[in-house]
Amino acid sequence: MNDLRRREVSRLLDEWSQGNAAALDELMPLVHAELHRLARGYIARERRGHTLQPTALVNEAYLKLLGERHMTWQGRAHFVGVAAQMMRFILVDHARKKRGQKRGAGAVRVTFDENLEVAAEARGAELLALDQALERLAKQDPRKSRIAELRYFGGLSVEETAAALSVSVATVMRDWRLTRAWLHRELS
């Protein structure tokens, strides 16, 4: 994304934060390709035959974003991070519904790998296990949980994550290293 486009995105986020609902309609075409790329990444990590398509995931996230009228956006990285978090919640809800339909699905032992390269049939259960681990981490250390969301689910770089959380790059790198170790222990 070039500087002119970044400034336009920032301007529209500011307008939307100030109550201009039409700004979101102008914003979405500017960020749609990036959100669609994120959604494709999410769906690629899911099991084969997943019923949600990337476009549907982006559309559901858009509907959730409509409800974020009083958010004070801290820039594009913050917006993408929130959108990524919404996509995560949508996929987790979808996995919970699917798992609930199967009845009797027991606990699944999973291992944490940054790419979560595992058998396709276990992906829904792993997503739920990862989500539960992140919820536990959020109670202990909310910043580390957000870093995991932004880095893994949001696909943000270390620099973008630092900007979204208003912390240093070194802090993100240290917390991400600790978070990966914590998640590995929790999911093993």
N, C-alpha and C. Protein backbone atom coordinates (compact mmCIF):
# COMPACT_ATOMS: atom_id res chain seq x y z
N MET A 1 0.86 -1.17 0.00
CA MET A 1 0.00 0.00 0.00
C MET A 1 0.91 1.23 0.00
N ASN A 2 0.69 2.14 -0.96
CA ASN A 2 1.55 3.31 -1.05
C ASN A 2 1.15 4.37 -0.01
N ASP A 3 2.01 5.39 0.14
CA ASP A 3 1.79 6.41 1.17
C ASP A 3 0.49 7.18 0.97
N LEU A 4 0.17 7.52 -0.26
CA LEU A 4 -1.07 8.25 -0.53
C LEU A 4 -2.29 7.44 -0.10
N ARG A 5 -2.26 6.17 -0.42
CA ARG A 5 -3.37 5.29 -0.06
C ARG A 5 -3.45 5.11 1.46
N ARG A 6 -2.28 4.99 2.13
CA ARG A 6 -2.25 4.88 3.59
C ARG A 6 -2.86 6.12 4.24
N ARG A 7 -2.51 7.28 3.72
CA ARG A 7 -3.06 8.54 4.26
C ARG A 7 -4.57 8.60 4.06
N GLU A 8 -5.03 8.14 2.92
CA GLU A 8 -6.47 8.13 2.64
C GLU A 8 -7.19 7.18 3.59
N VAL A 9 -6.59 6.01 3.82
CA VAL A 9 -7.17 5.04 4.76
C VAL A 9 -7.23 5.66 6.16
N SER A 10 -6.15 6.31 6.57
CA SER A 10 -6.12 6.96 7.89
C SER A 10 -7.18 8.05 8.00
N ARG A 11 -7.31 8.85 6.94
CA ARG A 11 -8.32 9.92 6.94
C ARG A 11 -9.73 9.34 7.07
N LEU A 12 -10.01 8.29 6.33
CA LEU A 12 -11.33 7.67 6.38
C LEU A 12 -11.59 7.02 7.74
N LEU A 13 -10.57 6.42 8.33
CA LEU A 13 -10.73 5.84 9.67
C LEU A 13 -11.05 6.93 10.69
N ASP A 14 -10.37 8.08 10.56
CA ASP A 14 -10.65 9.21 11.46
C ASP A 14 -12.09 9.69 11.29
N GLU A 15 -12.51 9.83 10.04
CA GLU A 15 -13.89 10.29 9.78
C GLU A 15 -14.91 9.30 10.33
N TRP A 16 -14.64 8.02 10.13
CA TRP A 16 -15.55 6.99 10.63
C TRP A 16 -15.61 7.04 12.14
N SER A 17 -14.45 7.25 12.80
CA SER A 17 -14.41 7.35 14.26
C SER A 17 -15.23 8.53 14.77
N GLN A 18 -15.32 9.56 13.94
CA GLN A 18 -16.06 10.77 14.33
C GLN A 18 -17.53 10.70 13.96
N GLY A 19 -17.97 9.53 13.50
CA GLY A 19 -19.39 9.34 13.27
C GLY A 19 -19.84 9.37 11.82
N ASN A 20 -18.94 9.55 10.88
CA ASN A 20 -19.31 9.58 9.47
C ASN A 20 -19.42 8.14 8.95
N ALA A 21 -20.63 7.61 8.94
CA ALA A 21 -20.86 6.22 8.53
C ALA A 21 -20.50 6.01 7.06
N ALA A 22 -20.61 7.04 6.24
CA ALA A 22 -20.28 6.92 4.82
C ALA A 22 -18.79 6.68 4.61
N ALA A 23 -17.96 7.04 5.58
CA ALA A 23 -16.52 6.84 5.45
C ALA A 23 -16.18 5.35 5.36
N LEU A 24 -16.95 4.51 6.06
CA LEU A 24 -16.70 3.07 5.99
C LEU A 24 -16.96 2.56 4.57
N ASP A 25 -17.98 3.07 3.92
CA ASP A 25 -18.27 2.66 2.54
C ASP A 25 -17.13 3.05 1.60
N GLU A 26 -16.48 4.19 1.86
CA GLU A 26 -15.34 4.60 1.05
C GLU A 26 -14.08 3.82 1.42
N LEU A 27 -13.99 3.43 2.68
CA LEU A 27 -12.81 2.73 3.19
C LEU A 27 -12.72 1.30 2.67
N MET A 28 -13.83 0.60 2.66
CA MET A 28 -13.80 -0.83 2.34
C MET A 28 -13.18 -1.15 0.97
N PRO A 29 -13.47 -0.42 -0.09
CA PRO A 29 -12.79 -0.75 -1.35
C PRO A 29 -11.27 -0.59 -1.26
N LEU A 30 -10.80 0.32 -0.41
CA LEU A 30 -9.36 0.55 -0.28
C LEU A 30 -8.66 -0.58 0.48
N VAL A 31 -9.37 -1.23 1.38
CA VAL A 31 -8.76 -2.28 2.21
C VAL A 31 -9.28 -3.67 1.86
N HIS A 32 -10.22 -3.76 0.94
CA HIS A 32 -10.85 -5.05 0.62
C HIS A 32 -9.83 -6.09 0.18
N ALA A 33 -8.90 -5.72 -0.67
CA ALA A 33 -7.91 -6.70 -1.16
C ALA A 33 -7.07 -7.24 0.00
N GLU A 34 -6.70 -6.38 0.93
CA GLU A 34 -5.90 -6.83 2.07
C GLU A 34 -6.72 -7.74 2.98
N LEU A 35 -7.98 -7.39 3.22
CA LEU A 35 -8.84 -8.22 4.05
C LEU A 35 -9.11 -9.57 3.37
N HIS A 36 -9.27 -9.55 2.06
CA HIS A 36 -9.51 -10.78 1.31
C HIS A 36 -8.27 -11.68 1.38
N ARG A 37 -7.08 -11.09 1.31
CA ARG A 37 -5.84 -11.85 1.44
C ARG A 37 -5.77 -12.52 2.82
N LEU A 38 -6.14 -11.76 3.87
CA LEU A 38 -6.17 -12.33 5.22
C LEU A 38 -7.16 -13.49 5.29
N ALA A 39 -8.34 -13.28 4.73
CA ALA A 39 -9.38 -14.31 4.76
C ALA A 39 -8.92 -15.56 4.02
N ARG A 40 -8.27 -15.40 2.87
CA ARG A 40 -7.74 -16.56 2.14
C ARG A 40 -6.73 -17.32 2.99
N GLY A 41 -5.90 -16.58 3.73
CA GLY A 41 -4.93 -17.22 4.62
C GLY A 41 -5.62 -18.01 5.72
N TYR A 42 -6.66 -17.44 6.30
CA TYR A 42 -7.42 -18.15 7.33
C TYR A 42 -8.04 -19.42 6.78
N ILE A 43 -8.71 -19.29 5.65
CA ILE A 43 -9.41 -20.43 5.06
C ILE A 43 -8.41 -21.51 4.63
N ALA A 44 -7.23 -21.11 4.17
CA ALA A 44 -6.22 -22.08 3.77
C ALA A 44 -5.77 -22.93 4.96
N ARG A 45 -5.84 -22.39 6.17
CA ARG A 45 -5.45 -23.14 7.37
C ARG A 45 -6.56 -24.06 7.85
N GLU A 46 -7.74 -23.91 7.31
CA GLU A 46 -8.89 -24.71 7.74
C GLU A 46 -8.88 -26.05 7.02
N ARG A 47 -9.75 -26.94 7.46
CA ARG A 47 -9.87 -28.25 6.85
C ARG A 47 -10.39 -28.13 5.42
N ARG A 48 -10.10 -29.14 4.64
CA ARG A 48 -10.62 -29.17 3.26
C ARG A 48 -12.14 -29.22 3.32
N GLY A 49 -12.76 -28.57 2.35
CA GLY A 49 -14.21 -28.59 2.29
C GLY A 49 -14.88 -27.64 3.27
N HIS A 50 -14.11 -26.70 3.81
CA HIS A 50 -14.70 -25.73 4.75
C HIS A 50 -15.82 -24.99 4.03
N THR A 51 -16.92 -24.78 4.71
CA THR A 51 -18.08 -24.19 4.05
C THR A 51 -17.99 -22.69 3.90
N LEU A 52 -17.14 -22.03 4.67
CA LEU A 52 -16.98 -20.58 4.51
C LEU A 52 -15.96 -20.30 3.42
N GLN A 53 -16.26 -19.37 2.57
CA GLN A 53 -15.34 -18.92 1.53
C GLN A 53 -14.72 -17.60 1.98
N PRO A 54 -13.55 -17.22 1.44
CA PRO A 54 -12.91 -15.98 1.85
C PRO A 54 -13.81 -14.74 1.70
N THR A 55 -14.54 -14.66 0.62
CA THR A 55 -15.41 -13.50 0.41
C THR A 55 -16.50 -13.45 1.48
N ALA A 56 -17.07 -14.59 1.83
CA ALA A 56 -18.09 -14.63 2.88
C ALA A 56 -17.49 -14.23 4.23
N LEU A 57 -16.26 -14.64 4.48
CA LEU A 57 -15.59 -14.27 5.73
C LEU A 57 -15.36 -12.75 5.79
N VAL A 58 -14.93 -12.17 4.69
CA VAL A 58 -14.75 -10.71 4.63
C VAL A 58 -16.09 -10.02 4.83
N ASN A 59 -17.13 -10.52 4.20
CA ASN A 59 -18.46 -9.90 4.33
C ASN A 59 -18.98 -9.97 5.76
N GLU A 60 -18.77 -11.11 6.42
CA GLU A 60 -19.21 -11.22 7.82
C GLU A 60 -18.41 -10.28 8.71
N ALA A 61 -17.11 -10.17 8.44
CA ALA A 61 -16.27 -9.22 9.21
C ALA A 61 -16.75 -7.79 8.97
N TYR A 62 -17.11 -7.46 7.73
CA TYR A 62 -17.63 -6.13 7.41
C TYR A 62 -18.89 -5.84 8.23
N LEU A 63 -19.78 -6.81 8.31
CA LEU A 63 -21.01 -6.60 9.09
C LEU A 63 -20.68 -6.35 10.56
N LYS A 64 -19.69 -7.06 11.08
CA LYS A 64 -19.29 -6.83 12.47
C LYS A 64 -18.64 -5.45 12.62
N LEU A 65 -17.88 -5.04 11.62
CA LEU A 65 -17.23 -3.73 11.67
C LEU A 65 -18.26 -2.60 11.69
N LEU A 66 -19.40 -2.83 11.06
CA LEU A 66 -20.46 -1.81 11.07
C LEU A 66 -20.87 -1.46 12.49
N GLY A 67 -20.76 -2.40 13.40
CA GLY A 67 -21.12 -2.17 14.80
C GLY A 67 -20.05 -1.44 15.59
N GLU A 68 -18.88 -1.22 15.01
CA GLU A 68 -17.77 -0.57 15.71
C GLU A 68 -17.79 0.94 15.45
N ARG A 69 -18.86 1.58 15.75
CA ARG A 69 -19.01 3.01 15.44
C ARG A 69 -18.20 3.93 16.34
N HIS A 70 -17.96 3.54 17.56
CA HIS A 70 -17.31 4.44 18.51
C HIS A 70 -15.85 4.07 18.75
N MET A 71 -15.27 3.33 17.84
CA MET A 71 -13.87 2.92 17.95
C MET A 71 -12.99 4.09 17.54
N THR A 72 -11.93 4.34 18.28
CA THR A 72 -10.94 5.32 17.88
C THR A 72 -9.80 4.55 17.22
N TRP A 73 -9.74 4.63 15.91
CA TRP A 73 -8.78 3.85 15.14
C TRP A 73 -7.41 4.50 15.23
N GLN A 74 -6.39 3.68 15.40
CA GLN A 74 -5.02 4.17 15.51
C GLN A 74 -4.25 3.93 14.22
N GLY A 75 -4.95 3.83 13.13
CA GLY A 75 -4.31 3.64 11.83
C GLY A 75 -4.71 2.34 11.18
N ARG A 76 -4.13 2.12 10.00
CA ARG A 76 -4.46 0.96 9.19
C ARG A 76 -4.14 -0.35 9.90
N ALA A 77 -2.99 -0.41 10.56
CA ALA A 77 -2.60 -1.65 11.24
C ALA A 77 -3.61 -2.01 12.33
N HIS A 78 -4.09 -1.02 13.06
CA HIS A 78 -5.09 -1.25 14.11
C HIS A 78 -6.38 -1.77 13.48
N PHE A 79 -6.81 -1.14 12.40
CA PHE A 79 -8.02 -1.57 11.70
C PHE A 79 -7.89 -3.01 11.21
N VAL A 80 -6.76 -3.32 10.55
CA VAL A 80 -6.56 -4.68 10.03
C VAL A 80 -6.51 -5.68 11.19
N GLY A 81 -5.88 -5.29 12.30
CA GLY A 81 -5.84 -6.16 13.46
C GLY A 81 -7.21 -6.47 14.02
N VAL A 82 -8.07 -5.45 14.10
CA VAL A 82 -9.43 -5.66 14.58
C VAL A 82 -10.21 -6.53 13.60
N ALA A 83 -10.06 -6.25 12.30
CA ALA A 83 -10.74 -7.06 11.30
C ALA A 83 -10.27 -8.52 11.38
N ALA A 84 -8.98 -8.72 11.58
CA ALA A 84 -8.44 -10.08 11.71
C ALA A 84 -9.02 -10.77 12.94
N GLN A 85 -9.12 -10.03 14.03
CA GLN A 85 -9.70 -10.60 15.24
C GLN A 85 -11.15 -11.00 15.00
N MET A 86 -11.89 -10.18 14.27
CA MET A 86 -13.28 -10.50 13.97
C MET A 86 -13.36 -11.76 13.11
N MET A 87 -12.45 -11.89 12.15
CA MET A 87 -12.43 -13.09 11.32
C MET A 87 -12.13 -14.31 12.18
N ARG A 88 -11.21 -14.17 13.12
CA ARG A 88 -10.91 -15.27 14.03
C ARG A 88 -12.15 -15.68 14.79
N PHE A 89 -12.88 -14.71 15.35
CA PHE A 89 -14.08 -15.02 16.11
C PHE A 89 -15.13 -15.70 15.24
N ILE A 90 -15.25 -15.25 14.01
CA ILE A 90 -16.22 -15.86 13.08
C ILE A 90 -15.85 -17.32 12.84
N LEU A 91 -14.58 -17.59 12.58
CA LEU A 91 -14.14 -18.97 12.32
C LEU A 91 -14.27 -19.84 13.56
N VAL A 92 -13.97 -19.28 14.73
CA VAL A 92 -14.11 -20.05 15.97
C VAL A 92 -15.57 -20.38 16.20
N ASP A 93 -16.46 -19.41 16.01
CA ASP A 93 -17.89 -19.68 16.16
C ASP A 93 -18.34 -20.76 15.18
N HIS A 94 -17.85 -20.68 13.97
CA HIS A 94 -18.19 -21.67 12.95
C HIS A 94 -17.71 -23.06 13.37
N ALA A 95 -16.47 -23.13 13.88
CA ALA A 95 -15.91 -24.41 14.33
C ALA A 95 -16.70 -24.96 15.52
N ARG A 96 -17.11 -24.08 16.43
CA ARG A 96 -17.91 -24.53 17.59
C ARG A 96 -19.24 -25.13 17.13
N LYS A 97 -19.86 -24.47 16.17
CA LYS A 97 -21.14 -24.99 15.66
C LYS A 97 -20.94 -26.35 15.01
N LYS A 98 -19.89 -26.47 14.20
CA LYS A 98 -19.62 -27.75 13.52
C LYS A 98 -19.32 -28.84 14.54
N ARG A 99 -18.52 -28.50 15.54
CA ARG A 99 -18.15 -29.48 16.56
C ARG A 99 -19.37 -29.89 17.37
N GLY A 100 -20.23 -28.95 17.66
CA GLY A 100 -21.45 -29.23 18.40
C GLY A 100 -22.37 -30.16 17.64
N GLN A 101 -22.33 -30.09 16.32
CA GLN A 101 -23.17 -30.95 15.50
C GLN A 101 -22.69 -32.40 15.53
N LYS A 102 -21.41 -32.60 15.78
CA LYS A 102 -20.87 -33.96 15.75
C LYS A 102 -21.09 -34.71 17.04
N ARG A 103 -21.42 -34.04 18.12
CA ARG A 103 -21.68 -34.64 19.43
C ARG A 103 -20.59 -35.63 19.83
N GLY A 104 -20.19 -35.50 21.03
CA GLY A 104 -19.22 -36.44 21.57
C GLY A 104 -17.79 -36.21 21.12
N ALA A 105 -17.55 -35.11 20.42
CA ALA A 105 -16.17 -34.85 20.02
C ALA A 105 -15.36 -34.55 21.27
N GLY A 106 -14.35 -35.36 21.51
CA GLY A 106 -13.56 -35.24 22.74
C GLY A 106 -12.42 -34.27 22.57
N ALA A 107 -11.65 -34.15 23.64
CA ALA A 107 -10.49 -33.27 23.61
C ALA A 107 -9.46 -33.81 22.63
N VAL A 108 -8.83 -32.91 21.94
CA VAL A 108 -7.82 -33.28 20.96
C VAL A 108 -6.49 -32.70 21.41
N ARG A 109 -5.46 -33.52 21.44
CA ARG A 109 -4.15 -33.03 21.79
C ARG A 109 -3.55 -32.37 20.55
N VAL A 110 -3.08 -31.13 20.72
CA VAL A 110 -2.52 -30.41 19.59
C VAL A 110 -1.16 -29.86 19.98
N THR A 111 -0.38 -29.60 18.97
CA THR A 111 0.90 -28.94 19.19
C THR A 111 0.87 -27.60 18.50
N PHE A 112 1.56 -26.62 19.10
CA PHE A 112 1.57 -25.29 18.49
C PHE A 112 2.75 -25.19 17.56
N ASP A 113 2.45 -24.82 16.37
CA ASP A 113 3.46 -24.53 15.37
C ASP A 113 3.03 -23.22 14.77
N GLU A 114 3.96 -22.31 14.51
CA GLU A 114 3.60 -20.99 14.01
C GLU A 114 2.71 -21.08 12.78
N ASN A 115 2.89 -22.12 11.98
CA ASN A 115 2.08 -22.29 10.77
C ASN A 115 0.90 -23.22 10.98
N LEU A 116 0.82 -23.85 12.15
CA LEU A 116 -0.23 -24.82 12.47
C LEU A 116 -0.45 -25.80 11.32
N GLU A 117 0.66 -26.43 10.89
CA GLU A 117 0.61 -27.41 9.82
C GLU A 117 0.24 -28.76 10.43
N VAL A 118 -1.04 -29.12 10.40
CA VAL A 118 -1.49 -30.37 10.99
C VAL A 118 -2.50 -31.03 10.08
N ALA A 119 -2.94 -32.18 10.48
CA ALA A 119 -3.91 -32.93 9.67
C ALA A 119 -5.19 -32.11 9.49
N ALA A 120 -5.74 -32.17 8.31
CA ALA A 120 -6.90 -31.35 7.96
C ALA A 120 -8.09 -31.59 8.88
N GLU A 121 -8.35 -32.83 9.28
CA GLU A 121 -9.53 -33.10 10.09
C GLU A 121 -9.43 -32.54 11.50
N ALA A 122 -8.24 -32.25 11.97
CA ALA A 122 -8.07 -31.74 13.34
C ALA A 122 -8.06 -30.22 13.40
N ARG A 123 -8.12 -29.56 12.27
CA ARG A 123 -7.95 -28.11 12.25
C ARG A 123 -9.04 -27.37 13.03
N GLY A 124 -10.27 -27.78 12.91
CA GLY A 124 -11.33 -27.11 13.65
C GLY A 124 -11.12 -27.24 15.15
N ALA A 125 -10.75 -28.43 15.61
CA ALA A 125 -10.49 -28.65 17.03
C ALA A 125 -9.26 -27.86 17.48
N GLU A 126 -8.25 -27.78 16.62
CA GLU A 126 -7.05 -27.02 16.97
C GLU A 126 -7.36 -25.52 17.06
N LEU A 127 -8.19 -25.05 16.17
CA LEU A 127 -8.57 -23.63 16.22
C LEU A 127 -9.27 -23.34 17.54
N LEU A 128 -10.15 -24.24 17.96
CA LEU A 128 -10.83 -24.05 19.25
C LEU A 128 -9.83 -24.10 20.40
N ALA A 129 -8.89 -25.04 20.34
CA ALA A 129 -7.89 -25.16 21.40
C ALA A 129 -7.00 -23.91 21.44
N LEU A 130 -6.61 -23.41 20.28
CA LEU A 130 -5.81 -22.20 20.22
C LEU A 130 -6.60 -21.01 20.74
N ASP A 131 -7.86 -20.92 20.37
CA ASP A 131 -8.70 -19.83 20.85
C ASP A 131 -8.82 -19.86 22.38
N GLN A 132 -9.03 -21.04 22.93
CA GLN A 132 -9.14 -21.17 24.40
C GLN A 132 -7.82 -20.80 25.07
N ALA A 133 -6.71 -21.21 24.48
CA ALA A 133 -5.40 -20.85 25.04
C ALA A 133 -5.19 -19.35 24.99
N LEU A 134 -5.59 -18.71 23.90
CA LEU A 134 -5.44 -17.26 23.80
C LEU A 134 -6.34 -16.53 24.80
N GLU A 135 -7.51 -17.09 25.06
CA GLU A 135 -8.38 -16.50 26.09
C GLU A 135 -7.74 -16.60 27.47
N ARG A 136 -7.11 -17.74 27.77
CA ARG A 136 -6.40 -17.88 29.05
C ARG A 136 -5.23 -16.90 29.13
N LEU A 137 -4.51 -16.79 28.03
CA LEU A 137 -3.37 -15.86 28.00
C LEU A 137 -3.84 -14.43 28.18
N ALA A 138 -4.98 -14.09 27.58
CA ALA A 138 -5.50 -12.72 27.70
C ALA A 138 -5.79 -12.35 29.15
N LYS A 139 -6.19 -13.33 29.95
CA LYS A 139 -6.45 -13.06 31.37
C LYS A 139 -5.14 -12.81 32.12
N GLN A 140 -4.08 -13.48 31.70
CA GLN A 140 -2.77 -13.32 32.35
C GLN A 140 -2.01 -12.12 31.80
N ASP A 141 -2.03 -11.96 30.48
CA ASP A 141 -1.25 -10.91 29.83
C ASP A 141 -1.94 -10.50 28.53
N PRO A 142 -2.83 -9.52 28.61
CA PRO A 142 -3.60 -9.12 27.42
C PRO A 142 -2.73 -8.71 26.23
N ARG A 143 -1.61 -8.05 26.49
CA ARG A 143 -0.77 -7.59 25.38
C ARG A 143 -0.20 -8.78 24.61
N LYS A 144 0.26 -9.79 25.30
CA LYS A 144 0.81 -10.96 24.61
C LYS A 144 -0.27 -11.67 23.78
N SER A 145 -1.47 -11.72 24.30
CA SER A 145 -2.57 -12.32 23.56
C SER A 145 -2.86 -11.53 22.29
N ARG A 146 -2.86 -10.20 22.40
CA ARG A 146 -3.10 -9.34 21.22
C ARG A 146 -1.98 -9.50 20.20
N ILE A 147 -0.74 -9.62 20.69
CA ILE A 147 0.38 -9.81 19.76
C ILE A 147 0.19 -11.10 18.98
N ALA A 148 -0.23 -12.17 19.65
CA ALA A 148 -0.48 -13.43 18.96
C ALA A 148 -1.58 -13.28 17.92
N GLU A 149 -2.65 -12.60 18.28
CA GLU A 149 -3.74 -12.38 17.33
C GLU A 149 -3.26 -11.60 16.12
N LEU A 150 -2.57 -10.50 16.37
CA LEU A 150 -2.14 -9.65 15.27
C LEU A 150 -1.09 -10.32 14.39
N ARG A 151 -0.16 -11.05 14.99
CA ARG A 151 0.89 -11.70 14.23
C ARG A 151 0.36 -12.93 13.49
N TYR A 152 -0.32 -13.81 14.22
CA TYR A 152 -0.76 -15.05 13.59
C TYR A 152 -2.03 -14.86 12.77
N PHE A 153 -3.07 -14.36 13.41
CA PHE A 153 -4.35 -14.24 12.72
C PHE A 153 -4.40 -13.03 11.79
N GLY A 154 -3.79 -11.93 12.22
CA GLY A 154 -3.83 -10.72 11.41
C GLY A 154 -2.79 -10.68 10.33
N GLY A 155 -1.75 -11.51 10.46
CA GLY A 155 -0.69 -11.52 9.46
C GLY A 155 0.14 -10.25 9.47
N LEU A 156 0.09 -9.48 10.57
CA LEU A 156 0.84 -8.24 10.62
C LEU A 156 2.32 -8.51 10.89
N SER A 157 3.16 -7.64 10.36
CA SER A 157 4.59 -7.74 10.62
C SER A 157 4.86 -7.30 12.06
N VAL A 158 6.08 -7.51 12.50
CA VAL A 158 6.47 -7.07 13.84
C VAL A 158 6.29 -5.55 13.95
N GLU A 159 6.70 -4.84 12.92
CA GLU A 159 6.61 -3.38 12.92
C GLU A 159 5.14 -2.92 12.97
N GLU A 160 4.29 -3.55 12.16
CA GLU A 160 2.87 -3.18 12.16
C GLU A 160 2.22 -3.51 13.49
N THR A 161 2.59 -4.63 14.08
CA THR A 161 2.06 -5.01 15.39
C THR A 161 2.48 -4.00 16.44
N ALA A 162 3.73 -3.58 16.41
CA ALA A 162 4.23 -2.57 17.35
C ALA A 162 3.44 -1.28 17.20
N ALA A 163 3.20 -0.87 15.96
CA ALA A 163 2.44 0.37 15.72
C ALA A 163 1.00 0.24 16.22
N ALA A 164 0.39 -0.91 15.97
CA ALA A 164 -1.01 -1.11 16.37
C ALA A 164 -1.16 -1.08 17.89
N LEU A 165 -0.14 -1.56 18.61
CA LEU A 165 -0.22 -1.65 20.07
C LEU A 165 0.50 -0.50 20.77
N SER A 166 1.11 0.38 19.99
CA SER A 166 1.87 1.52 20.53
C SER A 166 2.97 1.06 21.49
N VAL A 167 3.73 0.05 21.06
CA VAL A 167 4.88 -0.43 21.82
C VAL A 167 6.07 -0.51 20.85
N SER A 168 7.24 -0.78 21.39
CA SER A 168 8.44 -0.85 20.55
C SER A 168 8.50 -2.19 19.80
N VAL A 169 9.27 -2.18 18.73
CA VAL A 169 9.50 -3.40 17.95
C VAL A 169 10.16 -4.45 18.84
N ALA A 170 11.12 -4.03 19.69
CA ALA A 170 11.81 -4.96 20.59
C ALA A 170 10.82 -5.63 21.55
N THR A 171 9.85 -4.86 22.04
CA THR A 171 8.84 -5.41 22.94
C THR A 171 8.01 -6.48 22.23
N VAL A 172 7.61 -6.20 21.00
CA VAL A 172 6.83 -7.18 20.24
C VAL A 172 7.65 -8.44 20.00
N MET A 173 8.91 -8.28 19.62
CA MET A 173 9.75 -9.45 19.35
C MET A 173 9.93 -10.30 20.61
N ARG A 174 10.18 -9.64 21.74
CA ARG A 174 10.36 -10.38 23.00
C ARG A 174 9.06 -11.07 23.40
N ASP A 175 7.95 -10.31 23.37
CA ASP A 175 6.66 -10.89 23.77
C ASP A 175 6.22 -12.00 22.82
N TRP A 176 6.48 -11.87 21.54
CA TRP A 176 6.10 -12.89 20.57
C TRP A 176 6.87 -14.17 20.83
N ARG A 177 8.17 -14.05 21.13
CA ARG A 177 8.99 -15.23 21.45
C ARG A 177 8.44 -15.93 22.69
N LEU A 178 8.13 -15.16 23.73
CA LEU A 178 7.58 -15.74 24.96
C LEU A 178 6.19 -16.34 24.73
N THR A 179 5.39 -15.66 23.94
CA THR A 179 4.03 -16.12 23.66
C THR A 179 4.05 -17.44 22.90
N ARG A 180 4.92 -17.56 21.92
CA ARG A 180 5.02 -18.83 21.17
C ARG A 180 5.41 -19.97 22.10
N ALA A 181 6.35 -19.71 22.99
CA ALA A 181 6.78 -20.75 23.94
C ALA A 181 5.62 -21.12 24.87
N TRP A 182 4.91 -20.11 25.36
CA TRP A 182 3.77 -20.36 26.26
C TRP A 182 2.69 -21.18 25.54
N LEU A 183 2.37 -20.78 24.31
CA LEU A 183 1.35 -21.51 23.54
C LEU A 183 1.80 -22.94 23.25
N HIS A 184 3.07 -23.11 22.94
CA HIS A 184 3.57 -24.46 22.69
C HIS A 184 3.37 -25.34 23.92
N ARG A 185 3.69 -24.80 25.09
CA ARG A 185 3.51 -25.57 26.33
C ARG A 185 2.03 -25.84 26.60
N GLU A 186 1.18 -24.85 26.39
CA GLU A 186 -0.25 -25.01 26.66
C GLU A 186 -0.92 -26.02 25.72
N LEU A 187 -0.46 -26.05 24.49
CA LEU A 187 -1.12 -26.89 23.49
C LEU A 187 -0.47 -28.26 23.33
N SER A 188 0.61 -28.49 24.05
CA SER A 188 1.30 -29.79 23.94
C SER A 188 0.69 -30.79 24.90
